[in-house]
């Protein structure tokens, strides 16, 4: 099977729901950033020590949740194809809250701003955090563009909460990666 089809050579692509849209549309921008985020998260997972299986599994689960969110972003609201999508609920955000609390419980109290850095895994987690924030802004832009005054659908609300929690998760994960490797956070003393 060929990877290239040539169907996008004129600047258009197909959504999961079948419509052809510009590759620069807000919907494509949003799920493109989500795809970039998932790639950065893959680098975070690859940077973990071999003994970090539970954490790696947790990150792989997050990547799966992002793929589910991406399927929703790649589908026009109200399209018949939404019936094939798994509902995106508050459960992913709630799972992240549990993980944040678990990691935060072993971290020293934070009294200064953190400068991204430290161990490679921490640095990559900070990168994931910033890409996640950009992705969140793109999804908000999509919601504003498509839903205007009516506001986001329940699914989009859940995806937005998930992305907001996910950036928090990666901030705490960065600190956790430094701490578990005996490396102090890089603090801004300003």
C-alpha atoms as a PDB file:
ATOM      1  CA  UNK A   1       0.000   0.000   0.000  1.00  0.00           C
ATOM      2  CA  UNK A   2       1.360   3.402  -0.948  1.00  0.00           C
ATOM      3  CA  UNK A   3       1.653   6.053   1.762  1.00  0.00           C
ATOM      4  CA  UNK A   4       1.233   8.929  -0.665  1.00  0.00           C
ATOM      5  CA  UNK A   5      -2.032   9.391  -2.553  1.00  0.00           C
ATOM      6  CA  UNK A   6      -1.627  12.818  -4.130  1.00  0.00           C
ATOM      7  CA  UNK A   7      -5.124  13.813  -3.004  1.00  0.00           C
ATOM      8  CA  UNK A   8      -3.727  16.588  -0.834  1.00  0.00           C
ATOM      9  CA  UNK A   9      -1.468  18.112  -3.454  1.00  0.00           C
ATOM     10  CA  UNK A  10      -3.820  21.049  -3.979  1.00  0.00           C
ATOM     11  CA  UNK A  11      -3.988  22.047  -0.318  1.00  0.00           C
ATOM     12  CA  UNK A  12      -7.109  20.103   0.661  1.00  0.00           C
ATOM     13  CA  UNK A  13      -7.563  17.124   2.953  1.00  0.00           C
ATOM     14  CA  UNK A  14     -10.449  14.901   4.030  1.00  0.00           C
ATOM     15  CA  UNK A  15     -11.995  14.890   7.469  1.00  0.00           C
ATOM     16  CA  UNK A  16     -13.053  11.638   9.140  1.00  0.00           C
ATOM     17  CA  UNK A  17     -16.612  12.719   8.373  1.00  0.00           C
ATOM     18  CA  UNK A  18     -15.758  12.858   4.653  1.00  0.00           C
ATOM     19  CA  UNK A  19     -15.693  16.570   3.847  1.00  0.00           C
ATOM     20  CA  UNK A  20     -12.735  18.025   1.945  1.00  0.00           C
ATOM     21  CA  UNK A  21     -11.354  21.138   3.615  1.00  0.00           C
ATOM     22  CA  UNK A  22      -8.343  23.412   3.326  1.00  0.00           C
ATOM     23  CA  UNK A  23      -5.271  22.178   5.150  1.00  0.00           C
ATOM     24  CA  UNK A  24      -5.189  25.590   6.841  1.00  0.00           C
ATOM     25  CA  UNK A  25      -8.725  25.395   8.256  1.00  0.00           C
ATOM     26  CA  UNK A  26      -9.104  25.868  12.039  1.00  0.00           C
ATOM     27  CA  UNK A  27     -10.159  22.219  12.386  1.00  0.00           C
ATOM     28  CA  UNK A  28      -7.017  20.942  10.638  1.00  0.00           C
ATOM     29  CA  UNK A  29      -4.838  23.378  12.626  1.00  0.00           C
ATOM     30  CA  UNK A  30      -6.373  22.078  15.880  1.00  0.00           C
ATOM     31  CA  UNK A  31      -5.910  18.393  15.221  1.00  0.00           C
ATOM     32  CA  UNK A  32      -2.532  19.026  13.599  1.00  0.00           C
ATOM     33  CA  UNK A  33      -1.324  20.595  16.836  1.00  0.00           C
ATOM     34  CA  UNK A  34      -2.851  17.684  18.733  1.00  0.00           C
ATOM     35  CA  UNK A  35      -0.861  15.296  16.521  1.00  0.00           C
ATOM     36  CA  UNK A  36       2.321  17.281  17.197  1.00  0.00           C
ATOM     37  CA  UNK A  37       1.597  17.080  20.923  1.00  0.00           C
ATOM     38  CA  UNK A  38       1.197  13.315  20.679  1.00  0.00           C
ATOM     39  CA  UNK A  39       4.578  13.089  18.910  1.00  0.00           C
ATOM     40  CA  UNK A  40       6.297  15.130  21.622  1.00  0.00           C
ATOM     41  CA  UNK A  41       4.669  12.904  24.244  1.00  0.00           C
ATOM     42  CA  UNK A  42       6.150   9.909  22.422  1.00  0.00           C
ATOM     43  CA  UNK A  43       9.572  11.507  22.902  1.00  0.00           C
ATOM     44  CA  UNK A  44       8.827  11.948  26.625  1.00  0.00           C
ATOM     45  CA  UNK A  45       7.993   8.244  26.903  1.00  0.00           C
ATOM     46  CA  UNK A  46      11.140   7.287  24.959  1.00  0.00           C
ATOM     47  CA  UNK A  47      13.293   9.349  27.349  1.00  0.00           C
ATOM     48  CA  UNK A  48      12.149   7.488  30.466  1.00  0.00           C
ATOM     49  CA  UNK A  49      14.298   4.883  32.143  1.00  0.00           C
ATOM     50  CA  UNK A  50      13.537   1.213  31.352  1.00  0.00           C
ATOM     51  CA  UNK A  51      12.395   0.758  34.973  1.00  0.00           C
ATOM     52  CA  UNK A  52       9.625   3.343  34.552  1.00  0.00           C
ATOM     53  CA  UNK A  53       7.116   0.885  33.021  1.00  0.00           C
ATOM     54  CA  UNK A  54       4.129   2.179  35.008  1.00  0.00           C
ATOM     55  CA  UNK A  55       4.839   5.771  34.001  1.00  0.00           C
ATOM     56  CA  UNK A  56       5.442   4.759  30.387  1.00  0.00           C
ATOM     57  CA  UNK A  57       2.118   2.885  30.386  1.00  0.00           C
ATOM     58  CA  UNK A  58       0.394   5.947  31.829  1.00  0.00           C
ATOM     59  CA  UNK A  59       1.859   8.128  29.064  1.00  0.00           C
ATOM     60  CA  UNK A  60       0.865   5.604  26.367  1.00  0.00           C
ATOM     61  CA  UNK A  61      -2.684   5.732  27.773  1.00  0.00           C
ATOM     62  CA  UNK A  62      -2.612   9.532  27.465  1.00  0.00           C
ATOM     63  CA  UNK A  63      -1.538   9.145  23.841  1.00  0.00           C
ATOM     64  CA  UNK A  64      -4.528   6.855  23.260  1.00  0.00           C
ATOM     65  CA  UNK A  65      -6.829   9.481  24.790  1.00  0.00           C
ATOM     66  CA  UNK A  66      -5.318  12.092  22.477  1.00  0.00           C
ATOM     67  CA  UNK A  67      -6.046   9.892  19.464  1.00  0.00           C
ATOM     68  CA  UNK A  68      -9.675   9.648  20.604  1.00  0.00           C
ATOM     69  CA  UNK A  69      -9.820  13.441  20.995  1.00  0.00           C
ATOM     70  CA  UNK A  70      -8.227  13.812  17.557  1.00  0.00           C
ATOM     71  CA  UNK A  71     -10.945  11.665  16.001  1.00  0.00           C
ATOM     72  CA  UNK A  72     -13.539  14.077  17.392  1.00  0.00           C
ATOM     73  CA  UNK A  73     -11.577  17.065  16.106  1.00  0.00           C
ATOM     74  CA  UNK A  74     -11.364  15.442  12.659  1.00  0.00           C
ATOM     75  CA  UNK A  75     -15.152  15.074  12.478  1.00  0.00           C
ATOM     76  CA  UNK A  76     -17.624  17.817  11.658  1.00  0.00           C
ATOM     77  CA  UNK A  77     -20.098  18.304  14.535  1.00  0.00           C
ATOM     78  CA  UNK A  78     -23.416  16.631  13.807  1.00  0.00           C
ATOM     79  CA  UNK A  79     -21.980  14.410  11.056  1.00  0.00           C
ATOM     80  CA  UNK A  80     -23.383  10.896  10.820  1.00  0.00           C
ATOM     81  CA  UNK A  81     -19.882   9.490  11.378  1.00  0.00           C
ATOM     82  CA  UNK A  82     -19.897  10.685  15.003  1.00  0.00           C
ATOM     83  CA  UNK A  83     -21.825   7.505  15.834  1.00  0.00           C
ATOM     84  CA  UNK A  84     -18.611   5.557  15.185  1.00  0.00           C
ATOM     85  CA  UNK A  85     -16.628   7.593  17.715  1.00  0.00           C
ATOM     86  CA  UNK A  86     -16.151   6.567  21.315  1.00  0.00           C
ATOM     87  CA  UNK A  87     -17.712   9.183  23.627  1.00  0.00           C
ATOM     88  CA  UNK A  88     -15.161  11.566  25.110  1.00  0.00           C
ATOM     89  CA  UNK A  89     -16.175  12.058  28.738  1.00  0.00           C
ATOM     90  CA  UNK A  90     -14.686  13.700  31.825  1.00  0.00           C
ATOM     91  CA  UNK A  91     -12.970  10.423  32.756  1.00  0.00           C
ATOM     92  CA  UNK A  92      -9.674  11.228  30.965  1.00  0.00           C
ATOM     93  CA  UNK A  93      -9.353  14.557  32.827  1.00  0.00           C
ATOM     94  CA  UNK A  94     -10.221  12.868  36.122  1.00  0.00           C
ATOM     95  CA  UNK A  95      -7.541  10.217  35.486  1.00  0.00           C
ATOM     96  CA  UNK A  96      -5.001  12.985  34.953  1.00  0.00           C
ATOM     97  CA  UNK A  97      -6.011  14.626  38.233  1.00  0.00           C
ATOM     98  CA  UNK A  98      -5.301  11.360  40.062  1.00  0.00           C
ATOM     99  CA  UNK A  99      -1.899  11.065  38.395  1.00  0.00           C
ATOM    100  CA  UNK A 100      -1.061  14.705  39.180  1.00  0.00           C
ATOM    101  CA  UNK A 101      -1.988  14.210  42.844  1.00  0.00           C
ATOM    102  CA  UNK A 102       0.053  10.981  43.043  1.00  0.00           C
ATOM    103  CA  UNK A 103       3.217  12.597  41.654  1.00  0.00           C
ATOM    104  CA  UNK A 104       2.761  15.884  43.485  1.00  0.00           C
ATOM    105  CA  UNK A 105       2.565  14.062  46.835  1.00  0.00           C
ATOM    106  CA  UNK A 106       6.273  13.161  46.651  1.00  0.00           C
ATOM    107  CA  UNK A 107       7.533  16.515  45.342  1.00  0.00           C
ATOM    108  CA  UNK A 108       9.012  19.283  47.468  1.00  0.00           C
ATOM    109  CA  UNK A 109       6.867  22.381  47.869  1.00  0.00           C
ATOM    110  CA  UNK A 110       7.296  24.810  45.007  1.00  0.00           C
ATOM    111  CA  UNK A 111       8.287  28.320  46.105  1.00  0.00           C
ATOM    112  CA  UNK A 112       9.750  29.700  42.864  1.00  0.00           C
ATOM    113  CA  UNK A 113       8.941  29.645  39.184  1.00  0.00           C
ATOM    114  CA  UNK A 114      10.490  26.678  37.383  1.00  0.00           C
ATOM    115  CA  UNK A 115      12.736  27.225  34.377  1.00  0.00           C
ATOM    116  CA  UNK A 116      12.265  24.350  31.898  1.00  0.00           C
ATOM    117  CA  UNK A 117      15.252  22.049  32.111  1.00  0.00           C
ATOM    118  CA  UNK A 118      16.995  19.478  34.208  1.00  0.00           C
ATOM    119  CA  UNK A 119      16.971  15.856  33.129  1.00  0.00           C
ATOM    120  CA  UNK A 120      16.181  15.180  29.454  1.00  0.00           C
ATOM    121  CA  UNK A 121      12.843  13.583  30.397  1.00  0.00           C
ATOM    122  CA  UNK A 122      11.910  16.686  32.408  1.00  0.00           C
ATOM    123  CA  UNK A 123      12.908  18.992  29.567  1.00  0.00           C
ATOM    124  CA  UNK A 124      10.780  17.001  27.126  1.00  0.00           C
ATOM    125  CA  UNK A 125       7.855  17.033  29.570  1.00  0.00           C
ATOM    126  CA  UNK A 126       8.133  20.840  29.678  1.00  0.00           C
ATOM    127  CA  UNK A 127       8.109  20.859  25.878  1.00  0.00           C
ATOM    128  CA  UNK A 128       4.972  18.687  25.916  1.00  0.00           C
ATOM    129  CA  UNK A 129       3.397  21.141  28.364  1.00  0.00           C
ATOM    130  CA  UNK A 130       3.968  24.115  26.066  1.00  0.00           C
ATOM    131  CA  UNK A 131       2.783  22.275  22.944  1.00  0.00           C
ATOM    132  CA  UNK A 132      -0.273  21.201  24.944  1.00  0.00           C
ATOM    133  CA  UNK A 133      -1.047  24.838  25.818  1.00  0.00           C
ATOM    134  CA  UNK A 134      -0.795  25.809  22.149  1.00  0.00           C
ATOM    135  CA  UNK A 135      -3.045  22.896  21.207  1.00  0.00           C
ATOM    136  CA  UNK A 136      -5.568  24.011  23.790  1.00  0.00           C
ATOM    137  CA  UNK A 137      -5.553  27.525  22.288  1.00  0.00           C
ATOM    138  CA  UNK A 138      -6.097  26.071  18.796  1.00  0.00           C
ATOM    139  CA  UNK A 139      -9.050  23.992  19.981  1.00  0.00           C
ATOM    140  CA  UNK A 140     -10.547  27.056  21.675  1.00  0.00           C
ATOM    141  CA  UNK A 141     -10.064  28.951  18.413  1.00  0.00           C
ATOM    142  CA  UNK A 142     -11.878  26.145  16.560  1.00  0.00           C
ATOM    143  CA  UNK A 143     -14.754  26.215  19.055  1.00  0.00           C
ATOM    144  CA  UNK A 144     -15.004  29.999  18.806  1.00  0.00           C
ATOM    145  CA  UNK A 145     -14.900  29.803  15.000  1.00  0.00           C
ATOM    146  CA  UNK A 146     -17.557  27.095  14.678  1.00  0.00           C
ATOM    147  CA  UNK A 147     -19.779  27.477  17.717  1.00  0.00           C
ATOM    148  CA  UNK A 148     -19.593  31.205  18.380  1.00  0.00           C
ATOM    149  CA  UNK A 149     -22.099  32.329  20.997  1.00  0.00           C
ATOM    150  CA  UNK A 150     -23.654  28.856  21.379  1.00  0.00           C
ATOM    151  CA  UNK A 151     -20.450  27.616  23.002  1.00  0.00           C
ATOM    152  CA  UNK A 152     -18.791  24.228  22.750  1.00  0.00           C
ATOM    153  CA  UNK A 153     -20.579  20.887  22.640  1.00  0.00           C
ATOM    154  CA  UNK A 154     -20.292  18.609  25.676  1.00  0.00           C
ATOM    155  CA  UNK A 155     -17.636  16.598  23.861  1.00  0.00           C
ATOM    156  CA  UNK A 156     -15.570  19.692  23.086  1.00  0.00           C
ATOM    157  CA  UNK A 157     -15.948  20.887  26.694  1.00  0.00           C
ATOM    158  CA  UNK A 158     -14.543  17.556  27.879  1.00  0.00           C
ATOM    159  CA  UNK A 159     -11.672  17.727  25.389  1.00  0.00           C
ATOM    160  CA  UNK A 160     -10.832  21.267  26.516  1.00  0.00           C
ATOM    161  CA  UNK A 161     -10.821  20.254  30.194  1.00  0.00           C
ATOM    162  CA  UNK A 162      -8.631  17.269  29.299  1.00  0.00           C
ATOM    163  CA  UNK A 163      -6.111  19.485  27.480  1.00  0.00           C
ATOM    164  CA  UNK A 164      -6.054  21.966  30.352  1.00  0.00           C
ATOM    165  CA  UNK A 165      -5.390  19.165  32.854  1.00  0.00           C
ATOM    166  CA  UNK A 166      -2.838  17.601  30.510  1.00  0.00           C
ATOM    167  CA  UNK A 167      -0.625  20.686  30.536  1.00  0.00           C
ATOM    168  CA  UNK A 168      -0.764  20.607  34.349  1.00  0.00           C
ATOM    169  CA  UNK A 169       0.134  16.909  34.220  1.00  0.00           C
ATOM    170  CA  UNK A 170       3.236  17.602  32.133  1.00  0.00           C
ATOM    171  CA  UNK A 171       4.360  20.393  34.465  1.00  0.00           C
ATOM    172  CA  UNK A 172       4.149  18.025  37.437  1.00  0.00           C
ATOM    173  CA  UNK A 173       5.670  15.177  35.402  1.00  0.00           C
ATOM    174  CA  UNK A 174       8.670  17.384  34.576  1.00  0.00           C
ATOM    175  CA  UNK A 175       9.220  18.054  38.265  1.00  0.00           C
ATOM    176  CA  UNK A 176       8.654  14.370  39.064  1.00  0.00           C
ATOM    177  CA  UNK A 177      11.212  13.279  36.449  1.00  0.00           C
ATOM    178  CA  UNK A 178      13.832  15.608  37.917  1.00  0.00           C
ATOM    179  CA  UNK A 179      13.008  14.561  41.494  1.00  0.00           C
ATOM    180  CA  UNK A 180      13.058  10.812  40.775  1.00  0.00           C
ATOM    181  CA  UNK A 181      16.496  11.181  39.164  1.00  0.00           C
ATOM    182  CA  UNK A 182      17.877  13.160  42.100  1.00  0.00           C
ATOM    183  CA  UNK A 183      18.046  16.337  40.066  1.00  0.00           C
ATOM    184  CA  UNK A 184      16.702  19.615  41.410  1.00  0.00           C
ATOM    185  CA  UNK A 185      14.315  21.716  39.359  1.00  0.00           C
ATOM    186  CA  UNK A 186      15.904  24.699  37.677  1.00  0.00           C
ATOM    187  CA  UNK A 187      14.414  27.601  39.623  1.00  0.00           C
ATOM    188  CA  UNK A 188      13.970  31.186  38.516  1.00  0.00           C
ATOM    189  CA  UNK A 189      15.045  33.507  41.274  1.00  0.00           C
ATOM    190  CA  UNK A 190      14.192  36.665  39.276  1.00  0.00           C
END
